[in-house]
Amino acid sequence: MAVQINIHEAKTHLSKLIDQACRGEEVVIAKAGKPVVRLTPVQPTAVGRHFGALRGKARVDEAFFEPLPEDELRAWE
């Protein structure tokens, strides 16, 4: 069952409403009695590196192991 609350009351109790939404309760904020927004929790995004993510997408050939030209070496200094 959705909890519908007006904007003024939502400003007063925002922290409580956020907790309710995070628990999975539906929280609807209304303006002049008409629903305008719904609070929903943000789902965490996957972070970090995944071993092998570039498998098959990058290739290293023999040229990789050749020394760099002098001008490129200077650019790295």
PDB file of N, CA and C in Angstrom:
ATOM      1  N   MET A   1       0.846  -1.181   0.000  1.00  0.00           N
ATOM      2  CA  MET A   1       0.000   0.000   0.000  1.00  0.00           C
ATOM      3  C   MET A   1       0.889   1.240   0.000  1.00  0.00           C
ATOM      4  N   ALA A   2       0.602   2.183  -0.853  1.00  0.00           N
ATOM      5  CA  ALA A   2       1.415   3.386  -0.989  1.00  0.00           C
ATOM      6  C   ALA A   2       1.065   4.402   0.088  1.00  0.00           C
ATOM      7  N   VAL A   3       2.091   5.078   0.563  1.00  0.00           N
ATOM      8  CA  VAL A   3       1.916   6.191   1.486  1.00  0.00           C
ATOM      9  C   VAL A   3       1.923   7.447   0.633  1.00  0.00           C
ATOM     10  N   GLN A   4       0.851   8.239   0.697  1.00  0.00           N
ATOM     11  CA  GLN A   4       0.808   9.493  -0.040  1.00  0.00           C
ATOM     12  C   GLN A   4       0.872  10.634   0.963  1.00  0.00           C
ATOM     13  N   ILE A   5       1.739  11.580   0.701  1.00  0.00           N
ATOM     14  CA  ILE A   5       1.994  12.670   1.639  1.00  0.00           C
ATOM     15  C   ILE A   5       2.146  13.964   0.846  1.00  0.00           C
ATOM     16  N   ASN A   6       1.703  15.082   1.419  1.00  0.00           N
ATOM     17  CA  ASN A   6       1.820  16.338   0.681  1.00  0.00           C
ATOM     18  C   ASN A   6       3.234  16.904   0.803  1.00  0.00           C
ATOM     19  N   ILE A   7       3.565  17.828  -0.075  1.00  0.00           N
ATOM     20  CA  ILE A   7       4.924  18.357  -0.155  1.00  0.00           C
ATOM     21  C   ILE A   7       5.380  18.973   1.165  1.00  0.00           C
ATOM     22  N   HIS A   8       4.543  19.774   1.788  1.00  0.00           N
ATOM     23  CA  HIS A   8       4.936  20.427   3.042  1.00  0.00           C
ATOM     24  C   HIS A   8       5.295  19.388   4.101  1.00  0.00           C
ATOM     25  N   GLU A   9       4.465  18.389   4.251  1.00  0.00           N
ATOM     26  CA  GLU A   9       4.727  17.349   5.244  1.00  0.00           C
ATOM     27  C   GLU A   9       5.957  16.522   4.852  1.00  0.00           C
ATOM     28  N   ALA A  10       6.144  16.311   3.547  1.00  0.00           N
ATOM     29  CA  ALA A  10       7.308  15.555   3.080  1.00  0.00           C
ATOM     30  C   ALA A  10       8.601  16.282   3.431  1.00  0.00           C
ATOM     31  N   LYS A  11       8.603  17.614   3.308  1.00  0.00           N
ATOM     32  CA  LYS A  11       9.806  18.379   3.672  1.00  0.00           C
ATOM     33  C   LYS A  11      10.103  18.214   5.154  1.00  0.00           C
ATOM     34  N   THR A  12       9.087  18.157   5.954  1.00  0.00           N
ATOM     35  CA  THR A  12       9.256  18.022   7.397  1.00  0.00           C
ATOM     36  C   THR A  12       9.763  16.636   7.784  1.00  0.00           C
ATOM     37  N   HIS A  13       9.331  15.608   7.068  1.00  0.00           N
ATOM     38  CA  HIS A  13       9.633  14.221   7.433  1.00  0.00           C
ATOM     39  C   HIS A  13      10.447  13.496   6.364  1.00  0.00           C
ATOM     40  N   LEU A  14      11.258  14.216   5.612  1.00  0.00           N
ATOM     41  CA  LEU A  14      11.976  13.624   4.485  1.00  0.00           C
ATOM     42  C   LEU A  14      12.840  12.433   4.901  1.00  0.00           C
ATOM     43  N   SER A  15      13.561  12.566   5.993  1.00  0.00           N
ATOM     44  CA  SER A  15      14.442  11.484   6.432  1.00  0.00           C
ATOM     45  C   SER A  15      13.650  10.206   6.701  1.00  0.00           C
ATOM     46  N   LYS A  16      12.518  10.327   7.365  1.00  0.00           N
ATOM     47  CA  LYS A  16      11.659   9.183   7.661  1.00  0.00           C
ATOM     48  C   LYS A  16      11.112   8.575   6.368  1.00  0.00           C
ATOM     49  N   LEU A  17      10.733   9.412   5.426  1.00  0.00           N
ATOM     50  CA  LEU A  17      10.191   8.925   4.157  1.00  0.00           C
ATOM     51  C   LEU A  17      11.249   8.186   3.348  1.00  0.00           C
ATOM     52  N   ILE A  18      12.478   8.686   3.387  1.00  0.00           N
ATOM     53  CA  ILE A  18      13.578   8.005   2.694  1.00  0.00           C
ATOM     54  C   ILE A  18      13.786   6.624   3.300  1.00  0.00           C
ATOM     55  N   ASP A  19      13.761   6.530   4.616  1.00  0.00           N
ATOM     56  CA  ASP A  19      13.907   5.225   5.277  1.00  0.00           C
ATOM     57  C   ASP A  19      12.798   4.266   4.846  1.00  0.00           C
ATOM     58  N   GLN A  20      11.577   4.779   4.750  1.00  0.00           N
ATOM     59  CA  GLN A  20      10.458   3.942   4.327  1.00  0.00           C
ATOM     60  C   GLN A  20      10.679   3.429   2.897  1.00  0.00           C
ATOM     61  N   ALA A  21      11.101   4.319   2.014  1.00  0.00           N
ATOM     62  CA  ALA A  21      11.336   3.929   0.617  1.00  0.00           C
ATOM     63  C   ALA A  21      12.450   2.887   0.537  1.00  0.00           C
ATOM     64  N   CYS A  22      13.489   3.051   1.340  1.00  0.00           N
ATOM     65  CA  CYS A  22      14.595   2.094   1.340  1.00  0.00           C
ATOM     66  C   CYS A  22      14.174   0.733   1.869  1.00  0.00           C
ATOM     67  N   ARG A  23      13.149   0.694   2.685  1.00  0.00           N
ATOM     68  CA  ARG A  23      12.617  -0.580   3.186  1.00  0.00           C
ATOM     69  C   ARG A  23      11.672  -1.231   2.176  1.00  0.00           C
ATOM     70  N   GLY A  24      11.453  -0.556   1.045  1.00  0.00           N
ATOM     71  CA  GLY A  24      10.604  -1.120   0.003  1.00  0.00           C
ATOM     72  C   GLY A  24       9.182  -0.606  -0.007  1.00  0.00           C
ATOM     73  N   GLU A  25       8.865   0.319   0.908  1.00  0.00           N
ATOM     74  CA  GLU A  25       7.515   0.873   0.924  1.00  0.00           C
ATOM     75  C   GLU A  25       7.389   1.908  -0.194  1.00  0.00           C
ATOM     76  N   GLU A  26       6.206   1.993  -0.780  1.00  0.00           N
ATOM     77  CA  GLU A  26       5.974   2.981  -1.830  1.00  0.00           C
ATOM     78  C   GLU A  26       5.598   4.307  -1.179  1.00  0.00           C
ATOM     79  N   VAL A  27       6.351   5.346  -1.511  1.00  0.00           N
ATOM     80  CA  VAL A  27       6.109   6.673  -0.952  1.00  0.00           C
ATOM     81  C   VAL A  27       5.832   7.618  -2.111  1.00  0.00           C
ATOM     82  N   VAL A  28       4.646   8.225  -2.100  1.00  0.00           N
ATOM     83  CA  VAL A  28       4.235   9.142  -3.156  1.00  0.00           C
ATOM     84  C   VAL A  28       4.062  10.517  -2.546  1.00  0.00           C
ATOM     85  N   ILE A  29       4.638  11.520  -3.192  1.00  0.00           N
ATOM     86  CA  ILE A  29       4.502  12.900  -2.728  1.00  0.00           C
ATOM     87  C   ILE A  29       3.518  13.602  -3.666  1.00  0.00           C
ATOM     88  N   ALA A  30       2.556  14.284  -3.045  1.00  0.00           N
ATOM     89  CA  ALA A  30       1.488  14.929  -3.803  1.00  0.00           C
ATOM     90  C   ALA A  30       1.548  16.443  -3.666  1.00  0.00           C
ATOM     91  N   LYS A  31       1.029  17.112  -4.687  1.00  0.00           N
ATOM     92  CA  LYS A  31       0.902  18.577  -4.676  1.00  0.00           C
ATOM     93  C   LYS A  31      -0.577  18.877  -4.896  1.00  0.00           C
ATOM     94  N   ALA A  32      -1.173  19.551  -3.937  1.00  0.00           N
ATOM     95  CA  ALA A  32      -2.608  19.864  -3.980  1.00  0.00           C
ATOM     96  C   ALA A  32      -3.442  18.593  -4.138  1.00  0.00           C
ATOM     97  N   GLY A  33      -2.992  17.518  -3.465  1.00  0.00           N
ATOM     98  CA  GLY A  33      -3.741  16.271  -3.479  1.00  0.00           C
ATOM     99  C   GLY A  33      -3.506  15.390  -4.690  1.00  0.00           C
ATOM    100  N   LYS A  34      -2.717  15.866  -5.655  1.00  0.00           N
ATOM    101  CA  LYS A  34      -2.435  15.071  -6.857  1.00  0.00           C
ATOM    102  C   LYS A  34      -1.019  14.513  -6.790  1.00  0.00           C
ATOM    103  N   PRO A  35      -0.844  13.206  -6.959  1.00  0.00           N
ATOM    104  CA  PRO A  35       0.494  12.607  -6.917  1.00  0.00           C
ATOM    105  C   PRO A  35       1.399  13.210  -7.993  1.00  0.00           C
ATOM    106  N   VAL A  36       2.631  13.581  -7.593  1.00  0.00           N
ATOM    107  CA  VAL A  36       3.571  14.165  -8.553  1.00  0.00           C
ATOM    108  C   VAL A  36       4.890  13.399  -8.630  1.00  0.00           C
ATOM    109  N   VAL A  37       5.351  12.819  -7.531  1.00  0.00           N
ATOM    110  CA  VAL A  37       6.597  12.056  -7.562  1.00  0.00           C
ATOM    111  C   VAL A  37       6.493  10.831  -6.657  1.00  0.00           C
ATOM    112  N   ARG A  38       7.372   9.865  -6.937  1.00  0.00           N
ATOM    113  CA  ARG A  38       7.453   8.649  -6.128  1.00  0.00           C
ATOM    114  C   ARG A  38       8.894   8.503  -5.664  1.00  0.00           C
ATOM    115  N   LEU A  39       9.103   8.276  -4.379  1.00  0.00           N
ATOM    116  CA  LEU A  39      10.451   8.041  -3.858  1.00  0.00           C
ATOM    117  C   LEU A  39      10.815   6.578  -4.067  1.00  0.00           C
ATOM    118  N   THR A  40      11.970   6.360  -4.649  1.00  0.00           N
ATOM    119  CA  THR A  40      12.470   5.001  -4.813  1.00  0.00           C
ATOM    120  C   THR A  40      13.953   4.992  -4.466  1.00  0.00           C
ATOM    121  N   PRO A  41      14.440   3.926  -3.861  1.00  0.00           N
ATOM    122  CA  PRO A  41      15.864   3.865  -3.523  1.00  0.00           C
ATOM    123  C   PRO A  41      16.712   3.692  -4.783  1.00  0.00           C
ATOM    124  N   VAL A  42      17.921   4.216  -4.744  1.00  0.00           N
ATOM    125  CA  VAL A  42      18.869   4.061  -5.841  1.00  0.00           C
ATOM    126  C   VAL A  42      19.571   2.731  -5.660  1.00  0.00           C
ATOM    127  N   GLN A  43      19.588   1.943  -6.720  1.00  0.00           N
ATOM    128  CA  GLN A  43      20.258   0.655  -6.664  1.00  0.00           C
ATOM    129  C   GLN A  43      21.760   0.867  -6.819  1.00  0.00           C
ATOM    130  N   PRO A  44      22.574   0.231  -5.993  1.00  0.00           N
ATOM    131  CA  PRO A  44      24.018   0.405  -6.112  1.00  0.00           C
ATOM    132  C   PRO A  44      24.527  -0.113  -7.455  1.00  0.00           C
ATOM    133  N   THR A  45      25.481   0.594  -8.019  1.00  0.00           N
ATOM    134  CA  THR A  45      26.057   0.170  -9.285  1.00  0.00           C
ATOM    135  C   THR A  45      27.280  -0.699  -9.009  1.00  0.00           C
ATOM    136  N   ALA A  46      27.544  -1.583  -9.911  1.00  0.00           N
ATOM    137  CA  ALA A  46      28.714  -2.446  -9.775  1.00  0.00           C
ATOM    138  C   ALA A  46      29.974  -1.605  -9.961  1.00  0.00           C
ATOM    139  N   VAL A  47      30.889  -1.751  -9.061  1.00  0.00           N
ATOM    140  CA  VAL A  47      32.145  -1.015  -9.146  1.00  0.00           C
ATOM    141  C   VAL A  47      33.305  -1.994  -9.103  1.00  0.00           C
ATOM    142  N   GLY A  48      34.438  -1.510  -9.506  1.00  0.00           N
ATOM    143  CA  GLY A  48      35.620  -2.338  -9.454  1.00  0.00           C
ATOM    144  C   GLY A  48      35.977  -2.881 -10.819  1.00  0.00           C
ATOM    145  N   ARG A  49      37.065  -3.537 -10.842  1.00  0.00           N
ATOM    146  CA  ARG A  49      37.568  -4.114 -12.075  1.00  0.00           C
ATOM    147  C   ARG A  49      37.249  -5.602 -12.115  1.00  0.00           C
ATOM    148  N   HIS A  50      37.023  -6.078 -13.293  1.00  0.00           N
ATOM    149  CA  HIS A  50      36.725  -7.501 -13.475  1.00  0.00           C
ATOM    150  C   HIS A  50      37.866  -8.124 -14.258  1.00  0.00           C
ATOM    151  N   PHE A  51      38.516  -9.090 -13.657  1.00  0.00           N
ATOM    152  CA  PHE A  51      39.623  -9.766 -14.297  1.00  0.00           C
ATOM    153  C   PHE A  51      39.147 -10.387 -15.607  1.00  0.00           C
ATOM    154  N   GLY A  52      39.891 -10.117 -16.659  1.00  0.00           N
ATOM    155  CA  GLY A  52      39.566 -10.680 -17.962  1.00  0.00           C
ATOM    156  C   GLY A  52      38.535  -9.891 -18.746  1.00  0.00           C
ATOM    157  N   ALA A  53      38.193  -8.686 -18.307  1.00  0.00           N
ATOM    158  CA  ALA A  53      37.163  -7.898 -18.983  1.00  0.00           C
ATOM    159  C   ALA A  53      37.545  -7.561 -20.420  1.00  0.00           C
ATOM    160  N   LEU A  54      38.829  -7.453 -20.721  1.00  0.00           N
ATOM    161  CA  LEU A  54      39.271  -7.123 -22.077  1.00  0.00           C
ATOM    162  C   LEU A  54      39.712  -8.350 -22.876  1.00  0.00           C
ATOM    163  N   ARG A  55      39.456  -9.512 -22.346  1.00  0.00           N
ATOM    164  CA  ARG A  55      39.864 -10.737 -23.049  1.00  0.00           C
ATOM    165  C   ARG A  55      39.245 -10.748 -24.447  1.00  0.00           C
ATOM    166  N   GLY A  56      40.114 -10.930 -25.439  1.00  0.00           N
ATOM    167  CA  GLY A  56      39.657 -10.970 -26.820  1.00  0.00           C
ATOM    168  C   GLY A  56      39.476  -9.609 -27.460  1.00  0.00           C
ATOM    169  N   LYS A  57      39.655  -8.533 -26.701  1.00  0.00           N
ATOM    170  CA  LYS A  57      39.454  -7.182 -27.233  1.00  0.00           C
ATOM    171  C   LYS A  57      40.767  -6.446 -27.461  1.00  0.00           C
ATOM    172  N   ALA A  58      41.827  -6.902 -26.871  1.00  0.00           N
ATOM    173  CA  ALA A  58      43.131  -6.252 -27.027  1.00  0.00           C
ATOM    174  C   ALA A  58      44.142  -7.301 -27.466  1.00  0.00           C
ATOM    175  N   ARG A  59      45.127  -6.839 -28.223  1.00  0.00           N
ATOM    176  CA  ARG A  59      46.131  -7.760 -28.719  1.00  0.00           C
ATOM    177  C   ARG A  59      47.501  -7.113 -28.580  1.00  0.00           C
ATOM    178  N   VAL A  60      48.479  -7.884 -28.190  1.00  0.00           N
ATOM    179  CA  VAL A  60      49.855  -7.415 -28.077  1.00  0.00           C
ATOM    180  C   VAL A  60      50.681  -8.214 -29.079  1.00  0.00           C
ATOM    181  N   ASP A  61      51.277  -7.497 -30.040  1.00  0.00           N
ATOM    182  CA  ASP A  61      52.114  -8.198 -31.008  1.00  0.00           C
ATOM    183  C   ASP A  61      53.589  -7.942 -30.688  1.00  0.00           C
ATOM    184  N   GLU A  62      54.466  -8.412 -31.517  1.00  0.00           N
ATOM    185  CA  GLU A  62      55.916  -8.303 -31.274  1.00  0.00           C
ATOM    186  C   GLU A  62      56.381  -6.847 -31.206  1.00  0.00           C
ATOM    187  N   ALA A  63      55.732  -5.943 -31.906  1.00  0.00           N
ATOM    188  CA  ALA A  63      56.129  -4.535 -31.908  1.00  0.00           C
ATOM    189  C   ALA A  63      56.034  -3.926 -30.506  1.00  0.00           C
ATOM    190  N   PHE A  64      55.188  -4.481 -29.661  1.00  0.00           N
ATOM    191  CA  PHE A  64      55.039  -3.982 -28.299  1.00  0.00           C
ATOM    192  C   PHE A  64      56.357  -4.054 -27.532  1.00  0.00           C
ATOM    193  N   PHE A  65      57.154  -5.061 -27.815  1.00  0.00           N
ATOM    194  CA  PHE A  65      58.383  -5.293 -27.074  1.00  0.00           C
ATOM    195  C   PHE A  65      59.605  -4.582 -27.668  1.00  0.00           C
ATOM    196  N   GLU A  66      59.419  -3.917 -28.795  1.00  0.00           N
ATOM    197  CA  GLU A  66      60.525  -3.183 -29.410  1.00  0.00           C
ATOM    198  C   GLU A  66      60.770  -1.885 -28.649  1.00  0.00           C
ATOM    199  N   PRO A  67      62.022  -1.415 -28.578  1.00  0.00           N
ATOM    200  CA  PRO A  67      62.310  -0.165 -27.879  1.00  0.00           C
ATOM    201  C   PRO A  67      61.609   1.018 -28.552  1.00  0.00           C
ATOM    202  N   LEU A  68      61.251   1.997 -27.746  1.00  0.00           N
ATOM    203  CA  LEU A  68      60.614   3.201 -28.283  1.00  0.00           C
ATOM    204  C   LEU A  68      61.652   4.080 -28.967  1.00  0.00           C
ATOM    205  N   PRO A  69      61.228   4.836 -29.977  1.00  0.00           N
ATOM    206  CA  PRO A  69      62.143   5.803 -30.595  1.00  0.00           C
ATOM    207  C   PRO A  69      62.544   6.870 -29.572  1.00  0.00           C
ATOM    208  N   GLU A  70      63.689   7.496 -29.773  1.00  0.00           N
ATOM    209  CA  GLU A  70      64.228   8.487 -28.824  1.00  0.00           C
ATOM    210  C   GLU A  70      63.244   9.623 -28.537  1.00  0.00           C
ATOM    211  N   ASP A  71      62.563  10.149 -29.560  1.00  0.00           N
ATOM    212  CA  ASP A  71      61.643  11.268 -29.343  1.00  0.00           C
ATOM    213  C   ASP A  71      60.474  10.862 -28.437  1.00  0.00           C
ATOM    214  N   GLU A  72      59.978   9.627 -28.555  1.00  0.00           N
ATOM    215  CA  GLU A  72      58.908   9.165 -27.674  1.00  0.00           C
ATOM    216  C   GLU A  72      59.413   8.939 -26.267  1.00  0.00           C
ATOM    217  N   LEU A  73      60.631   8.435 -26.116  1.00  0.00           N
ATOM    218  CA  LEU A  73      61.214   8.260 -24.784  1.00  0.00           C
ATOM    219  C   LEU A  73      61.344   9.599 -24.066  1.00  0.00           C
ATOM    220  N   ARG A  74      61.782  10.631 -24.793  1.00  0.00           N
ATOM    221  CA  ARG A  74      61.903  11.970 -24.198  1.00  0.00           C
ATOM    222  C   ARG A  74      60.533  12.503 -23.758  1.00  0.00           C
ATOM    223  N   ALA A  75      59.512  12.195 -24.511  1.00  0.00           N
ATOM    224  CA  ALA A  75      58.155  12.662 -24.169  1.00  0.00           C
ATOM    225  C   ALA A  75      57.675  12.088 -22.843  1.00  0.00           C
ATOM    226  N   TRP A  76      58.174  10.913 -22.464  1.00  0.00           N
ATOM    227  CA  TRP A  76      57.785  10.271 -21.221  1.00  0.00           C
ATOM    228  C   TRP A  76      58.540  10.813 -20.017  1.00  0.00           C
ATOM    229  N   GLU A  77      59.567  11.591 -20.256  1.00  0.00           N
ATOM    230  CA  GLU A  77      60.362  12.089 -19.140  1.00  0.00           C
ATOM    231  C   GLU A  77      59.806  13.375 -18.602  1.00  0.00           C
TER     232      GLU A  77
END
